[in-house]
Amino acid sequence: MLVLAIVFVVAVIVGIVYLVRGLGRGGSAAGTQGVPGRHDSPEDILKRRYAAGEIDREDYESRMRDLRS
């Protein structure tokens, strides 16, 4: 009975550790879009925004020049 209680406590602790680690990686950092461990460059984010129609061509080119300077 004591062994079963120890195994249960260890399992709960391991579960909490995995839960905390998963929540730490799942934060909404810019550019991740729900993909853990993925960090896009500013250029990639800008290209995606232009492709999605969030910004026009003039704004895209202006911002791209700013990033490259």
Protein backbone atom coordinates (compact mmCIF):
# COMPACT_ATOMS: atom_id res chain seq x y z
CA MET A 1 0.00 0.00 0.00
CA LEU A 2 2.84 2.39 0.82
CA VAL A 3 4.53 1.65 -2.52
CA LEU A 4 1.30 2.42 -4.37
CA ALA A 5 0.98 5.76 -2.57
CA ILE A 6 4.59 6.68 -3.44
CA VAL A 7 4.05 5.75 -7.11
CA PHE A 8 0.90 7.87 -7.19
CA VAL A 9 2.67 10.92 -5.68
CA VAL A 10 5.57 10.59 -8.13
CA ALA A 11 3.11 10.31 -11.06
CA VAL A 12 1.30 13.46 -9.94
CA ILE A 13 4.59 15.38 -9.64
CA VAL A 14 5.72 14.22 -13.10
CA GLY A 15 2.36 15.24 -14.55
CA ILE A 16 2.62 18.71 -13.03
CA VAL A 17 6.14 19.14 -14.40
CA TYR A 18 5.00 18.21 -17.93
CA LEU A 19 2.01 20.52 -17.65
CA VAL A 20 4.14 23.48 -16.56
CA ARG A 21 6.74 22.84 -19.28
CA GLY A 22 4.01 22.60 -21.93
CA LEU A 23 2.39 25.85 -20.83
CA GLY A 24 5.78 27.59 -20.83
CA ARG A 25 6.37 26.73 -24.48
CA GLY A 26 2.83 27.41 -25.59
CA GLY A 27 2.95 31.14 -24.96
CA SER A 28 1.85 33.48 -27.70
CA ALA A 29 5.14 34.91 -28.83
CA ALA A 30 5.00 36.95 -32.04
CA GLY A 31 5.43 34.80 -35.09
CA THR A 32 4.88 31.41 -33.52
CA GLN A 33 1.27 31.00 -34.61
CA GLY A 34 0.74 28.02 -32.32
CA VAL A 35 3.80 26.08 -33.46
CA PRO A 36 6.00 25.29 -30.44
CA GLY A 37 9.65 26.16 -30.87
CA ARG A 38 9.16 28.11 -34.10
CA HIS A 39 10.47 31.66 -34.24
CA ASP A 40 10.12 33.49 -37.54
CA SER A 41 12.44 36.27 -38.58
CA PRO A 42 11.01 39.78 -38.95
CA GLU A 43 11.27 39.38 -42.73
CA ASP A 44 9.21 36.18 -42.62
CA ILE A 45 6.54 37.86 -40.53
CA LEU A 46 6.44 40.80 -42.93
CA LYS A 47 6.14 38.47 -45.94
CA ARG A 48 3.29 36.59 -44.28
CA ARG A 49 1.44 39.84 -43.47
CA TYR A 50 1.83 41.03 -47.08
CA ALA A 51 0.63 37.69 -48.43
CA ALA A 52 -2.39 37.79 -46.11
CA GLY A 53 -3.30 41.27 -47.34
CA GLU A 54 -2.75 42.96 -43.98
CA ILE A 55 -0.39 45.51 -45.56
CA ASP A 56 -0.09 46.90 -49.08
CA ARG A 57 2.93 46.70 -51.40
CA GLU A 58 4.21 50.19 -50.58
CA ASP A 59 4.09 49.50 -46.85
CA TYR A 60 5.73 46.09 -47.36
CA GLU A 61 8.61 47.52 -49.40
CA SER A 62 9.12 50.41 -46.98
CA ARG A 63 9.25 48.14 -43.96
CA MET A 64 11.52 45.68 -45.74
CA ARG A 65 13.97 48.50 -46.54
CA ASP A 66 13.89 49.55 -42.87
CA LEU A 67 14.67 46.02 -41.76
CA ARG A 68 17.59 45.67 -44.15
CA SER A 69 19.20 49.02 -43.29
